[in-house]
Structures are given as C-alpha cells and as structure tokens.
C-alpha cells in the first residue's frame, strides 16, 4: 500500500475511536471559525464597496473640475489670440499716438564701412 492510503486509514480509524464529545467539540470549533471567517469576509466586502463608491465620487468630481479647467484654458487661449491680433495691436498703437514709419534706413556697421570706404578712423 502507498503511504497516503495508510495515513488516511490511520486518521479515519482515530476519528472513529474518538469520543463523541471530542467530535462535537471539533465541529463546534470548525463552525465558529467558519462563521468568523464569513463575518470578516462580509465586513471586508462592505468596507471595500464603500471605499470604491467614495472613490468613484471623487473621480467624478475631479473629472468635472478637469472639464472646467479645459474650458478656462480654451477661453484664455482665445483671449491671447485676440490680444495678439493685428486689429488689436493697431488699435493700441493708435491709442498711444504712434505713427507708422516710412523709408527706414539702417546705419552700416563699422566693419561694413571699412570694407566699402577704406580705413575707419576712430
């Protein structure tokens, strides 16, 4: 016979020869452990369910806040674009009393003058 079958037969014979009181005590202990595990499992499930629901509300609030921030960003981008537009710039320039310049000429750099006119005297 295999050792497994021998061990199983040994435990079965010991279980049959135990006093009924010990068997009842064992069953009561197993029932108490099973009930305790069931209660702990149920409480853990309820706690996790509550945690999940509360996090879903937080996630929903954060999503709404994100949408509001996106709308604010779009509005600010439109405001920046309108302030950079030519019409707004021309209005601000005219309100300052500035006039358009014509015939703009830039002075030549000393090195450019030296090359075209000869030596530069300091």
PDB file of N, CA and C in Angstrom:
ATOM      1  N   UNK A   1       0.825  -1.184   0.000  1.00  0.00           N
ATOM      2  CA  UNK A   1       0.000   0.000   0.000  1.00  0.00           C
ATOM      3  C   UNK A   1       0.870   1.249   0.000  1.00  0.00           C
ATOM      4  N   UNK A   2       0.275   2.285  -0.556  1.00  0.00           N
ATOM      5  CA  UNK A   2       1.011   3.548  -0.593  1.00  0.00           C
ATOM      6  C   UNK A   2       0.947   4.220   0.769  1.00  0.00           C
ATOM      7  N   UNK A   3       1.894   5.078   1.054  1.00  0.00           N
ATOM      8  CA  UNK A   3       1.902   5.764   2.354  1.00  0.00           C
ATOM      9  C   UNK A   3       0.677   6.658   2.532  1.00  0.00           C
ATOM     10  N   UNK A   4       0.145   7.198   1.435  1.00  0.00           N
ATOM     11  CA  UNK A   4      -1.025   8.068   1.532  1.00  0.00           C
ATOM     12  C   UNK A   4      -2.247   7.289   2.030  1.00  0.00           C
ATOM     13  N   UNK A   5      -2.458   6.121   1.487  1.00  0.00           N
ATOM     14  CA  UNK A   5      -3.613   5.315   1.891  1.00  0.00           C
ATOM     15  C   UNK A   5      -3.451   4.867   3.331  1.00  0.00           C
ATOM     16  N   UNK A   6      -2.252   4.505   3.725  1.00  0.00           N
ATOM     17  CA  UNK A   6      -2.002   4.078   5.105  1.00  0.00           C
ATOM     18  C   UNK A   6      -2.279   5.222   6.066  1.00  0.00           C
ATOM     19  N   UNK A   7      -1.814   6.413   5.726  1.00  0.00           N
ATOM     20  CA  UNK A   7      -2.036   7.584   6.588  1.00  0.00           C
ATOM     21  C   UNK A   7      -3.520   7.906   6.680  1.00  0.00           C
ATOM     22  N   UNK A   8      -4.237   7.838   5.571  1.00  0.00           N
ATOM     23  CA  UNK A   8      -5.668   8.131   5.560  1.00  0.00           C
ATOM     24  C   UNK A   8      -6.422   7.123   6.415  1.00  0.00           C
ATOM     25  N   UNK A   9      -6.082   5.857   6.291  1.00  0.00           N
ATOM     26  CA  UNK A   9      -6.755   4.818   7.103  1.00  0.00           C
ATOM     27  C   UNK A   9      -6.485   5.044   8.582  1.00  0.00           C
ATOM     28  N   UNK A  10      -5.275   5.452   8.893  1.00  0.00           N
ATOM     29  CA  UNK A  10      -4.903   5.693  10.294  1.00  0.00           C
ATOM     30  C   UNK A  10      -5.763   6.816  10.886  1.00  0.00           C
ATOM     31  N   UNK A  11      -5.890   7.931  10.122  1.00  0.00           N
ATOM     32  CA  UNK A  11      -6.685   9.061  10.624  1.00  0.00           C
ATOM     33  C   UNK A  11      -8.158   8.695  10.728  1.00  0.00           C
ATOM     34  N   UNK A  12      -8.668   7.914   9.796  1.00  0.00           N
ATOM     35  CA  UNK A  12     -10.074   7.515   9.843  1.00  0.00           C
ATOM     36  C   UNK A  12     -10.347   6.631  11.045  1.00  0.00           C
ATOM     37  N   UNK A  13      -9.423   5.742  11.332  1.00  0.00           N
ATOM     38  CA  UNK A  13      -9.634   4.864  12.498  1.00  0.00           C
ATOM     39  C   UNK A  13      -9.570   5.674  13.787  1.00  0.00           C
ATOM     40  N   UNK A  14      -8.674   6.657  13.853  1.00  0.00           N
ATOM     41  CA  UNK A  14      -8.603   7.506  15.042  1.00  0.00           C
ATOM     42  C   UNK A  14      -9.879   8.334  15.183  1.00  0.00           C
ATOM     43  N   UNK A  15     -10.431   8.796  14.092  1.00  0.00           N
ATOM     44  CA  UNK A  15     -11.666   9.586  14.145  1.00  0.00           C
ATOM     45  C   UNK A  15     -12.827   8.732  14.642  1.00  0.00           C
ATOM     46  N   UNK A  16     -12.878   7.478  14.231  1.00  0.00           N
ATOM     47  CA  UNK A  16     -13.962   6.577  14.664  1.00  0.00           C
ATOM     48  C   UNK A  16     -13.841   6.229  16.136  1.00  0.00           C
ATOM     49  N   UNK A  17     -12.616   6.124  16.644  1.00  0.00           N
ATOM     50  CA  UNK A  17     -12.413   5.725  18.028  1.00  0.00           C
ATOM     51  C   UNK A  17     -12.448   6.889  19.007  1.00  0.00           C
ATOM     52  N   UNK A  18     -12.485   8.153  18.486  1.00  0.00           N
ATOM     53  CA  UNK A  18     -12.575   9.316  19.387  1.00  0.00           C
ATOM     54  C   UNK A  18     -13.912   9.307  20.086  1.00  0.00           C
ATOM     55  N   UNK A  19     -13.919   9.934  21.198  1.00  0.00           N
ATOM     56  CA  UNK A  19     -15.160  10.046  21.950  1.00  0.00           C
ATOM     57  C   UNK A  19     -16.091  11.001  21.230  1.00  0.00           C
ATOM     58  N   UNK A  20     -17.384  10.826  21.301  1.00  0.00           N
ATOM     59  CA  UNK A  20     -18.314  11.738  20.628  1.00  0.00           C
ATOM     60  C   UNK A  20     -18.195  13.171  21.114  1.00  0.00           C
ATOM     61  N   UNK A  21     -17.822  13.373  22.329  1.00  0.00           N
ATOM     62  CA  UNK A  21     -17.703  14.726  22.865  1.00  0.00           C
ATOM     63  C   UNK A  21     -16.573  15.496  22.167  1.00  0.00           C
ATOM     64  N   UNK A  22     -15.486  14.808  21.905  1.00  0.00           N
ATOM     65  CA  UNK A  22     -14.370  15.455  21.213  1.00  0.00           C
ATOM     66  C   UNK A  22     -14.756  15.795  19.770  1.00  0.00           C
ATOM     67  N   UNK A  23     -15.547  14.919  19.140  1.00  0.00           N
ATOM     68  CA  UNK A  23     -16.002  15.190  17.777  1.00  0.00           C
ATOM     69  C   UNK A  23     -16.921  16.395  17.749  1.00  0.00           C
ATOM     70  N   UNK A  24     -17.801  16.473  18.728  1.00  0.00           N
ATOM     71  CA  UNK A  24     -18.711  17.610  18.798  1.00  0.00           C
ATOM     72  C   UNK A  24     -17.918  18.887  19.048  1.00  0.00           C
ATOM     73  N   UNK A  25     -16.936  18.811  19.935  1.00  0.00           N
ATOM     74  CA  UNK A  25     -16.111  19.991  20.221  1.00  0.00           C
ATOM     75  C   UNK A  25     -15.367  20.440  18.969  1.00  0.00           C
ATOM     76  N   UNK A  26     -14.863  19.487  18.174  1.00  0.00           N
ATOM     77  CA  UNK A  26     -14.173  19.802  16.938  1.00  0.00           C
ATOM     78  C   UNK A  26     -15.119  20.461  15.939  1.00  0.00           C
ATOM     79  N   UNK A  27     -16.336  19.933  15.823  1.00  0.00           N
ATOM     80  CA  UNK A  27     -17.313  20.511  14.906  1.00  0.00           C
ATOM     81  C   UNK A  27     -17.732  21.916  15.340  1.00  0.00           C
ATOM     82  N   UNK A  28     -17.893  22.123  16.622  1.00  0.00           N
ATOM     83  CA  UNK A  28     -18.251  23.453  17.127  1.00  0.00           C
ATOM     84  C   UNK A  28     -17.123  24.436  16.842  1.00  0.00           C
ATOM     85  N   UNK A  29     -15.888  23.999  17.017  1.00  0.00           N
ATOM     86  CA  UNK A  29     -14.741  24.872  16.738  1.00  0.00           C
ATOM     87  C   UNK A  29     -14.675  25.216  15.254  1.00  0.00           C
ATOM     88  N   UNK A  30     -14.894  24.212  14.393  1.00  0.00           N
ATOM     89  CA  UNK A  30     -14.884  24.462  12.958  1.00  0.00           C
ATOM     90  C   UNK A  30     -16.013  25.397  12.551  1.00  0.00           C
ATOM     91  N   UNK A  31     -17.185  25.217  13.150  1.00  0.00           N
ATOM     92  CA  UNK A  31     -18.309  26.114  12.855  1.00  0.00           C
ATOM     93  C   UNK A  31     -17.999  27.543  13.301  1.00  0.00           C
ATOM     94  N   UNK A  32     -17.400  27.692  14.457  1.00  0.00           N
ATOM     95  CA  UNK A  32     -17.069  29.027  14.956  1.00  0.00           C
ATOM     96  C   UNK A  32     -16.051  29.708  14.033  1.00  0.00           C
ATOM     97  N   UNK A  33     -15.062  28.951  13.606  1.00  0.00           N
ATOM     98  CA  UNK A  33     -14.058  29.511  12.700  1.00  0.00           C
ATOM     99  C   UNK A  33     -14.703  29.881  11.367  1.00  0.00           C
ATOM    100  N   UNK A  34     -15.570  29.012  10.848  1.00  0.00           N
ATOM    101  CA  UNK A  34     -16.239  29.289   9.573  1.00  0.00           C
ATOM    102  C   UNK A  34     -17.126  30.523   9.667  1.00  0.00           C
ATOM    103  N   UNK A  35     -17.875  30.654  10.733  1.00  0.00           N
ATOM    104  CA  UNK A  35     -18.759  31.816  10.910  1.00  0.00           C
ATOM    105  C   UNK A  35     -17.922  33.086  11.057  1.00  0.00           C
ATOM    106  N   UNK A  36     -16.841  32.995  11.804  1.00  0.00           N
ATOM    107  CA  UNK A  36     -15.968  34.155  11.980  1.00  0.00           C
ATOM    108  C   UNK A  36     -15.376  34.588  10.638  1.00  0.00           C
ATOM    109  N   UNK A  37     -14.927  33.635   9.842  1.00  0.00           N
ATOM    110  CA  UNK A  37     -14.382  33.966   8.526  1.00  0.00           C
ATOM    111  C   UNK A  37     -15.449  34.562   7.616  1.00  0.00           C
ATOM    112  N   UNK A  38     -16.664  34.042   7.691  1.00  0.00           N
ATOM    113  CA  UNK A  38     -17.747  34.584   6.868  1.00  0.00           C
ATOM    114  C   UNK A  38     -18.059  36.024   7.270  1.00  0.00           C
ATOM    115  N   UNK A  39     -18.095  36.301   8.558  1.00  0.00           N
ATOM    116  CA  UNK A  39     -18.381  37.659   9.035  1.00  0.00           C
ATOM    117  C   UNK A  39     -17.252  38.610   8.634  1.00  0.00           C
ATOM    118  N   UNK A  40     -16.015  38.183   8.805  1.00  0.00           N
ATOM    119  CA  UNK A  40     -14.878  39.024   8.428  1.00  0.00           C
ATOM    120  C   UNK A  40     -14.885  39.284   6.922  1.00  0.00           C
ATOM    121  N   UNK A  41     -15.207  38.247   6.145  1.00  0.00           N
ATOM    122  CA  UNK A  41     -15.272  38.420   4.688  1.00  0.00           C
ATOM    123  C   UNK A  41     -16.376  39.401   4.302  1.00  0.00           C
ATOM    124  N   UNK A  42     -17.549  39.289   4.938  1.00  0.00           N
ATOM    125  CA  UNK A  42     -18.664  40.188   4.634  1.00  0.00           C
ATOM    126  C   UNK A  42     -18.309  41.629   5.006  1.00  0.00           C
ATOM    127  N   UNK A  43     -17.700  41.823   6.162  1.00  0.00           N
ATOM    128  CA  UNK A  43     -17.316  43.170   6.577  1.00  0.00           C
ATOM    129  C   UNK A  43     -16.238  43.741   5.654  1.00  0.00           C
ATOM    130  N   UNK A  44     -15.307  42.909   5.236  1.00  0.00           N
ATOM    131  CA  UNK A  44     -14.275  43.371   4.300  1.00  0.00           C
ATOM    132  C   UNK A  44     -14.895  43.765   2.970  1.00  0.00           C
ATOM    133  N   UNK A  45     -15.854  42.974   2.507  1.00  0.00           N
ATOM    134  CA  UNK A  45     -16.545  43.290   1.255  1.00  0.00           C
ATOM    135  C   UNK A  45     -17.276  44.621   1.365  1.00  0.00           C
ATOM    136  N   UNK A  46     -17.987  44.830   2.457  1.00  0.00           N
ATOM    137  CA  UNK A  46     -18.714  46.091   2.638  1.00  0.00           C
ATOM    138  C   UNK A  46     -17.758  47.271   2.725  1.00  0.00           C
ATOM    139  N   UNK A  47     -16.652  47.097   3.412  1.00  0.00           N
ATOM    140  CA  UNK A  47     -15.672  48.176   3.527  1.00  0.00           C
ATOM    141  C   UNK A  47     -15.088  48.522   2.160  1.00  0.00           C
ATOM    142  N   UNK A  48     -14.725  47.496   1.385  1.00  0.00           N
ATOM    143  CA  UNK A  48     -14.167  47.750   0.056  1.00  0.00           C
ATOM    144  C   UNK A  48     -15.205  48.361  -0.877  1.00  0.00           C
ATOM    145  N   UNK A  49     -16.448  47.931  -0.764  1.00  0.00           N
ATOM    146  CA  UNK A  49     -17.514  48.511  -1.582  1.00  0.00           C
ATOM    147  C   UNK A  49     -17.701  49.986  -1.251  1.00  0.00           C
ATOM    148  N   UNK A  50     -17.696  50.314   0.035  1.00  0.00           N
ATOM    149  CA  UNK A  50     -17.810  51.707   0.458  1.00  0.00           C
ATOM    150  C   UNK A  50     -16.627  52.529  -0.063  1.00  0.00           C
ATOM    151  N   UNK A  51     -15.439  51.965   0.013  1.00  0.00           N
ATOM    152  CA  UNK A  51     -14.246  52.653  -0.478  1.00  0.00           C
ATOM    153  C   UNK A  51     -14.339  52.890  -1.983  1.00  0.00           C
ATOM    154  N   UNK A  52     -14.822  51.900  -2.709  1.00  0.00           N
ATOM    155  CA  UNK A  52     -14.960  52.017  -4.159  1.00  0.00           C
ATOM    156  C   UNK A  52     -15.965  53.096  -4.532  1.00  0.00           C
ATOM    157  N   UNK A  53     -17.092  53.133  -3.840  1.00  0.00           N
ATOM    158  CA  UNK A  53     -18.120  54.139  -4.136  1.00  0.00           C
ATOM    159  C   UNK A  53     -17.608  55.538  -3.819  1.00  0.00           C
ATOM    160  N   UNK A  54     -16.936  55.698  -2.689  1.00  0.00           N
ATOM    161  CA  UNK A  54     -16.425  57.031  -2.331  1.00  0.00           C
ATOM    162  C   UNK A  54     -15.360  57.485  -3.331  1.00  0.00           C
ATOM    163  N   UNK A  55     -14.527  56.580  -3.790  1.00  0.00           N
ATOM    164  CA  UNK A  55     -13.527  56.955  -4.788  1.00  0.00           C
ATOM    165  C   UNK A  55     -14.168  57.290  -6.130  1.00  0.00           C
ATOM    166  N   UNK A  56     -15.278  56.645  -6.442  1.00  0.00           N
ATOM    167  CA  UNK A  56     -15.950  56.973  -7.708  1.00  0.00           C
ATOM    168  C   UNK A  56     -16.503  58.397  -7.667  1.00  0.00           C
ATOM    169  N   UNK A  57     -17.015  58.832  -6.499  1.00  0.00           N
ATOM    170  CA  UNK A  57     -17.489  60.214  -6.382  1.00  0.00           C
ATOM    171  C   UNK A  57     -16.329  61.200  -6.513  1.00  0.00           C
ATOM    172  N   UNK A  58     -15.212  60.874  -5.903  1.00  0.00           N
ATOM    173  CA  UNK A  58     -14.035  61.742  -6.010  1.00  0.00           C
ATOM    174  C   UNK A  58     -13.579  61.822  -7.462  1.00  0.00           C
ATOM    175  N   UNK A  59     -13.568  60.681  -8.149  1.00  0.00           N
ATOM    176  CA  UNK A  59     -13.159  60.653  -9.551  1.00  0.00           C
ATOM    177  C   UNK A  59     -14.112  61.470 -10.414  1.00  0.00           C
ATOM    178  N   UNK A  60     -15.406  61.394 -10.136  1.00  0.00           N
ATOM    179  CA  UNK A  60     -16.386  62.173 -10.890  1.00  0.00           C
ATOM    180  C   UNK A  60     -16.157  63.672 -10.666  1.00  0.00           C
ATOM    181  N   UNK A  61     -15.932  64.074  -9.422  1.00  0.00           N
ATOM    182  CA  UNK A  61     -15.666  65.486  -9.125  1.00  0.00           C
ATOM    183  C   UNK A  61     -14.394  65.976  -9.823  1.00  0.00           C
ATOM    184  N   UNK A  62     -13.358  65.143  -9.813  1.00  0.00           N
ATOM    185  CA  UNK A  62     -12.118  65.535 -10.475  1.00  0.00           C
ATOM    186  C   UNK A  62     -12.304  65.644 -11.984  1.00  0.00           C
ATOM    187  N   UNK A  63     -13.138  64.779 -12.557  1.00  0.00           N
ATOM    188  CA  UNK A  63     -13.428  64.871 -13.983  1.00  0.00           C
ATOM    189  C   UNK A  63     -14.143  66.161 -14.329  1.00  0.00           C
ATOM    190  N   UNK A  64     -15.112  66.557 -13.489  1.00  0.00           N
ATOM    191  CA  UNK A  64     -15.823  67.818 -13.719  1.00  0.00           C
ATOM    192  C   UNK A  64     -14.872  69.002 -13.584  1.00  0.00           C
ATOM    193  N   UNK A  65     -13.983  68.924 -12.604  1.00  0.00           N
ATOM    194  CA  UNK A  65     -13.011  70.003 -12.420  1.00  0.00           C
ATOM    195  C   UNK A  65     -12.069  70.097 -13.615  1.00  0.00           C
ATOM    196  N   UNK A  66     -11.672  68.938 -14.153  1.00  0.00           N
ATOM    197  CA  UNK A  66     -10.806  68.914 -15.320  1.00  0.00           C
ATOM    198  C   UNK A  66     -11.506  69.533 -16.525  1.00  0.00           C
ATOM    199  N   UNK A  67     -12.782  69.238 -16.717  1.00  0.00           N
ATOM    200  CA  UNK A  67     -13.533  69.847 -17.823  1.00  0.00           C
ATOM    201  C   UNK A  67     -13.581  71.362 -17.674  1.00  0.00           C
ATOM    202  N   UNK A  68     -13.837  71.837 -16.451  1.00  0.00           N
ATOM    203  CA  UNK A  68     -13.880  73.280 -16.213  1.00  0.00           C
ATOM    204  C   UNK A  68     -12.523  73.924 -16.507  1.00  0.00           C
ATOM    205  N   UNK A  69     -11.444  73.248 -16.128  1.00  0.00           N
ATOM    206  CA  UNK A  69     -10.111  73.787 -16.400  1.00  0.00           C
ATOM    207  C   UNK A  69      -9.813  73.805 -17.894  1.00  0.00           C
ATOM    208  N   UNK A  70     -10.273  72.788 -18.634  1.00  0.00           N
ATOM    209  CA  UNK A  70     -10.089  72.790 -20.088  1.00  0.00           C
ATOM    210  C   UNK A  70     -10.848  73.952 -20.729  1.00  0.00           C
ATOM    211  N   UNK A  71     -12.059  74.203 -20.258  1.00  0.00           N
ATOM    212  CA  UNK A  71     -12.833  75.325 -20.784  1.00  0.00           C
ATOM    213  C   UNK A  71     -12.136  76.648 -20.486  1.00  0.00           C
ATOM    214  N   UNK A  72     -11.607  76.787 -19.279  1.00  0.00           N
ATOM    215  CA  UNK A  72     -10.882  78.002 -18.912  1.00  0.00           C
ATOM    216  C   UNK A  72      -9.635  78.167 -19.781  1.00  0.00           C
ATOM    217  N   UNK A  73      -8.934  77.057 -20.027  1.00  0.00           N
ATOM    218  CA  UNK A  73      -7.741  77.118 -20.876  1.00  0.00           C
ATOM    219  C   UNK A  73      -8.108  77.563 -22.287  1.00  0.00           C
ATOM    220  N   UNK A  74      -9.189  77.020 -22.843  1.00  0.00           N
ATOM    221  CA  UNK A  74      -9.609  77.417 -24.188  1.00  0.00           C
ATOM    222  C   UNK A  74      -9.972  78.896 -24.236  1.00  0.00           C
ATOM    223  N   UNK A  75     -10.676  79.382 -23.204  1.00  0.00           N
ATOM    224  CA  UNK A  75     -11.043  80.796 -23.161  1.00  0.00           C
ATOM    225  C   UNK A  75      -9.793  81.675 -23.088  1.00  0.00           C
ATOM    226  N   UNK A  76      -8.840  81.287 -22.265  1.00  0.00           N
ATOM    227  CA  UNK A  76      -7.605  82.068 -22.150  1.00  0.00           C
ATOM    228  C   UNK A  76      -6.807  82.041 -23.455  1.00  0.00           C
ATOM    229  N   UNK A  77      -6.784  80.906 -24.130  1.00  0.00           N
ATOM    230  CA  UNK A  77      -6.093  80.837 -25.426  1.00  0.00           C
ATOM    231  C   UNK A  77      -6.762  81.741 -26.454  1.00  0.00           C
ATOM    232  N   UNK A  78      -8.105  81.785 -26.435  1.00  0.00           N
ATOM    233  CA  UNK A  78      -8.811  82.701 -27.353  1.00  0.00           C
ATOM    234  C   UNK A  78      -8.501  84.148 -27.011  1.00  0.00           C
ATOM    235  N   UNK A  79      -8.448  84.474 -25.718  1.00  0.00           N
ATOM    236  CA  UNK A  79      -8.116  85.842 -25.304  1.00  0.00           C
ATOM    237  C   UNK A  79      -6.701  86.230 -25.745  1.00  0.00           C
ATOM    238  N   UNK A  80      -5.748  85.317 -25.586  1.00  0.00           N
ATOM    239  CA  UNK A  80      -4.370  85.597 -26.001  1.00  0.00           C
ATOM    240  C   UNK A  80      -4.308  85.798 -27.506  1.00  0.00           C
ATOM    241  N   UNK A  81      -5.019  84.959 -28.255  1.00  0.00           N
ATOM    242  CA  UNK A  81      -5.014  85.094 -29.717  1.00  0.00           C
ATOM    243  C   UNK A  81      -5.628  86.419 -30.152  1.00  0.00           C
ATOM    244  N   UNK A  82      -6.695  86.826 -29.476  1.00  0.00           N
ATOM    245  CA  UNK A  82      -7.310  88.106 -29.869  1.00  0.00           C
ATOM    246  C   UNK A  82      -6.418  89.286 -29.494  1.00  0.00           C
ATOM    247  N   UNK A  83      -5.699  89.193 -28.384  1.00  0.00           N
ATOM    248  CA  UNK A  83      -4.804  90.281 -27.998  1.00  0.00           C
ATOM    249  C   UNK A  83      -3.568  90.344 -28.897  1.00  0.00           C
ATOM    250  N   UNK A  84      -3.217  89.249 -29.519  1.00  0.00           N
ATOM    251  CA  UNK A  84      -2.077  89.239 -30.431  1.00  0.00           C
ATOM    252  C   UNK A  84      -2.473  89.595 -31.859  1.00  0.00           C
ATOM    253  N   UNK A  85      -3.739  89.750 -32.115  1.00  0.00           N
ATOM    254  CA  UNK A  85      -4.189  90.001 -33.487  1.00  0.00           C
ATOM    255  C   UNK A  85      -3.754  91.390 -33.959  1.00  0.00           C
ATOM    256  N   UNK A  86      -3.696  91.572 -35.278  1.00  0.00           N
ATOM    257  CA  UNK A  86      -3.262  92.832 -35.866  1.00  0.00           C
ATOM    258  C   UNK A  86      -4.235  93.961 -35.538  1.00  0.00           C
ATOM    259  N   UNK A  87      -5.546  93.660 -35.529  1.00  0.00           N
ATOM    260  CA  UNK A  87      -6.536  94.700 -35.237  1.00  0.00           C
ATOM    261  C   UNK A  87      -6.343  95.260 -33.834  1.00  0.00           C
ATOM    262  N   UNK A  88      -6.100  94.366 -32.874  1.00  0.00           N
ATOM    263  CA  UNK A  88      -5.904  94.846 -31.503  1.00  0.00           C
ATOM    264  C   UNK A  88      -4.610  95.630 -31.383  1.00  0.00           C
ATOM    265  N   UNK A  89      -3.557  95.147 -32.046  1.00  0.00           N
ATOM    266  CA  UNK A  89      -2.287  95.873 -31.989  1.00  0.00           C
ATOM    267  C   UNK A  89      -2.398  97.246 -32.642  1.00  0.00           C
ATOM    268  N   UNK A  90      -3.073  97.333 -33.791  1.00  0.00           N
ATOM    269  CA  UNK A  90      -3.207  98.632 -34.454  1.00  0.00           C
ATOM    270  C   UNK A  90      -4.046  99.590 -33.607  1.00  0.00           C
ATOM    271  N   UNK A  91      -5.067  99.091 -32.906  1.00  0.00           N
ATOM    272  CA  UNK A  91      -5.856  99.955 -32.028  1.00  0.00           C
ATOM    273  C   UNK A  91      -4.999 100.474 -30.877  1.00  0.00           C
ATOM    274  N   UNK A  92      -4.193  99.600 -30.290  1.00  0.00           N
ATOM    275  CA  UNK A  92      -3.351 100.038 -29.178  1.00  0.00           C
ATOM    276  C   UNK A  92      -2.256 101.009 -29.645  1.00  0.00           C
ATOM    277  N   UNK A  93      -1.729 100.777 -30.828  1.00  0.00           N
ATOM    278  CA  UNK A  93      -0.712 101.702 -31.359  1.00  0.00           C
ATOM    279  C   UNK A  93      -1.318 103.073 -31.603  1.00  0.00           C
ATOM    280  N   UNK A  94      -2.502 103.114 -32.195  1.00  0.00           N
ATOM    281  CA  UNK A  94      -3.132 104.420 -32.459  1.00  0.00           C
ATOM    282  C   UNK A  94      -3.556 105.112 -31.169  1.00  0.00           C
ATOM    283  N   UNK A  95      -3.926 104.334 -30.148  1.00  0.00           N
ATOM    284  CA  UNK A  95      -4.312 104.962 -28.880  1.00  0.00           C
ATOM    285  C   UNK A  95      -3.098 105.567 -28.170  1.00  0.00           C
ATOM    286  N   UNK A  96      -1.912 105.081 -28.467  1.00  0.00           N
ATOM    287  CA  UNK A  96      -0.697 105.650 -27.876  1.00  0.00           C
ATOM    288  C   UNK A  96      -0.202 106.863 -28.656  1.00  0.00           C
ATOM    289  N   UNK A  97      -0.775 107.132 -29.830  1.00  0.00           N
ATOM    290  CA  UNK A  97      -0.366 108.288 -30.621  1.00  0.00           C
ATOM    291  C   UNK A  97       0.848 108.007 -31.480  1.00  0.00           C
ATOM    292  N   UNK A  98       1.161 106.759 -31.720  1.00  0.00           N
ATOM    293  CA  UNK A  98       2.305 106.415 -32.557  1.00  0.00           C
ATOM    294  C   UNK A  98       1.887 106.455 -34.025  1.00  0.00           C
ATOM    295  N   UNK A  99       2.837 106.755 -34.890  1.00  0.00           N
ATOM    296  CA  UNK A  99       2.566 106.805 -36.327  1.00  0.00           C
ATOM    297  C   UNK A  99       3.456 105.783 -37.019  1.00  0.00           C
ATOM    298  N   UNK A 100       3.040 105.395 -38.206  1.00  0.00           N
ATOM    299  CA  UNK A 100       3.812 104.420 -38.971  1.00  0.00           C
ATOM    300  C   UNK A 100       5.075 105.086 -39.514  1.00  0.00           C
ATOM    301  N   UNK A 101       6.151 104.358 -39.550  1.00  0.00           N
ATOM    302  CA  UNK A 101       7.411 104.919 -40.073  1.00  0.00           C
ATOM    303  C   UNK A 101       7.555 104.564 -41.542  1.00  0.00           C
ATOM    304  N   UNK A 102       8.210 105.463 -42.272  1.00  0.00           N
ATOM    305  CA  UNK A 102       8.420 105.262 -43.697  1.00  0.00           C
ATOM    306  C   UNK A 102       9.889 105.453 -44.021  1.00  0.00           C
ATOM    307  N   UNK A 103      10.341 104.859 -45.092  1.00  0.00           N
ATOM    308  CA  UNK A 103      11.721 104.974 -45.557  1.00  0.00           C
ATOM    309  C   UNK A 103      12.722 104.686 -44.438  1.00  0.00           C
ATOM    310  N   UNK A 104      12.688 103.503 -43.960  1.00  0.00           N
ATOM    311  CA  UNK A 104      13.586 103.109 -42.873  1.00  0.00           C
ATOM    312  C   UNK A 104      14.937 102.766 -43.461  1.00  0.00           C
ATOM    313  N   UNK A 105      16.002 103.353 -42.887  1.00  0.00           N
ATOM    314  CA  UNK A 105      17.362 103.005 -43.310  1.00  0.00           C
ATOM    315  C   UNK A 105      18.168 102.720 -42.053  1.00  0.00           C
ATOM    316  N   UNK A 106      19.006 101.757 -42.169  1.00  0.00           N
ATOM    317  CA  UNK A 106      19.806 101.339 -41.036  1.00  0.00           C
ATOM    318  C   UNK A 106      21.244 101.753 -41.265  1.00  0.00           C
ATOM    319  N   UNK A 107      21.923 102.242 -40.243  1.00  0.00           N
ATOM    320  CA  UNK A 107      23.332 102.611 -40.422  1.00  0.00           C
ATOM    321  C   UNK A 107      24.177 101.365 -40.628  1.00  0.00           C
ATOM    322  N   UNK A 108      25.216 101.543 -41.379  1.00  0.00           N
ATOM    323  CA  UNK A 108      26.102 100.424 -41.628  1.00  0.00           C
ATOM    324  C   UNK A 108      26.998 100.204 -40.425  1.00  0.00           C
ATOM    325  N   UNK A 109      27.384  98.982 -40.250  1.00  0.00           N
ATOM    326  CA  UNK A 109      28.277  98.673 -39.138  1.00  0.00           C
ATOM    327  C   UNK A 109      29.676  99.179 -39.479  1.00  0.00           C
ATOM    328  N   UNK A 110      30.512  99.434 -38.502  1.00  0.00           N
ATOM    329  CA  UNK A 110      31.869  99.940 -38.784  1.00  0.00           C
ATOM    330  C   UNK A 110      32.655  99.013 -39.683  1.00  0.00           C
ATOM    331  N   UNK A 111      32.476  97.752 -39.584  1.00  0.00           N
ATOM    332  CA  UNK A 111      33.229  96.837 -40.444  1.00  0.00           C
ATOM    333  C   UNK A 111      32.753  96.945 -41.887  1.00  0.00           C
ATOM    334  N   UNK A 112      31.454  97.149 -42.099  1.00  0.00           N
ATOM    335  CA  UNK A 112      30.934  97.307 -43.463  1.00  0.00           C
ATOM    336  C   UNK A 112      31.419  98.607 -44.065  1.00  0.00           C
ATOM    337  N   UNK A 113      31.502  99.668 -43.279  1.00  0.00           N
ATOM    338  CA  UNK A 113      32.001 100.954 -43.758  1.00  0.00           C
ATOM    339  C   UNK A 113      33.476 100.824 -44.115  1.00  0.00           C
ATOM    340  N   UNK A 114      34.248 100.142 -43.324  1.00  0.00           N
ATOM    341  CA  UNK A 114      35.673  99.968 -43.557  1.00  0.00           C
ATOM    342  C   UNK A 114      35.920  99.226 -44.850  1.00  0.00           C
ATOM    343  N   UNK A 115      35.098  98.261 -45.135  1.00  0.00           N
ATOM    344  CA  UNK A 115      35.296  97.492 -46.353  1.00  0.00           C
ATOM    345  C   UNK A 115      34.941  98.309 -47.586  1.00  0.00           C
ATOM    346  N   UNK A 116      33.921  99.172 -47.481  1.00  0.00           N
ATOM    347  CA  UNK A 116      33.476  99.891 -48.675  1.00  0.00           C
ATOM    348  C   UNK A 116      34.198 101.233 -48.852  1.00  0.00           C
ATOM    349  N   UNK A 117      34.542 101.949 -47.791  1.00  0.00           N
ATOM    350  CA  UNK A 117      35.085 103.303 -47.911  1.00  0.00           C
ATOM    351  C   UNK A 117      36.567 103.413 -47.603  1.00  0.00           C
ATOM    352  N   UNK A 118      37.162 102.384 -47.180  1.00  0.00           N
ATOM    353  CA  UNK A 118      38.561 102.461 -46.792  1.00  0.00           C
ATOM    354  C   UNK A 118      38.710 102.340 -45.299  1.00  0.00           C
ATOM    355  N   UNK A 119      39.849 102.761 -44.748  1.00  0.00           N
ATOM    356  CA  UNK A 119      40.072 102.572 -43.303  1.00  0.00           C
ATOM    357  C   UNK A 119      39.197 103.474 -42.448  1.00  0.00           C
ATOM    358  N   UNK A 120      38.803 102.938 -41.312  1.00  0.00           N
ATOM    359  CA  UNK A 120      37.964 103.697 -40.371  1.00  0.00           C
ATOM    360  C   UNK A 120      38.883 104.369 -39.377  1.00  0.00           C
ATOM    361  N   UNK A 121      38.649 105.680 -39.186  1.00  0.00           N
ATOM    362  CA  UNK A 121      39.455 106.438 -38.226  1.00  0.00           C
ATOM    363  C   UNK A 121      38.635 106.570 -36.963  1.00  0.00           C
ATOM    364  N   UNK A 122      39.187 106.142 -35.883  1.00  0.00           N
ATOM    365  CA  UNK A 122      38.421 106.261 -34.629  1.00  0.00           C
ATOM    366  C   UNK A 122      38.406 107.643 -34.065  1.00  0.00           C
TER     367      UNK A 122
END
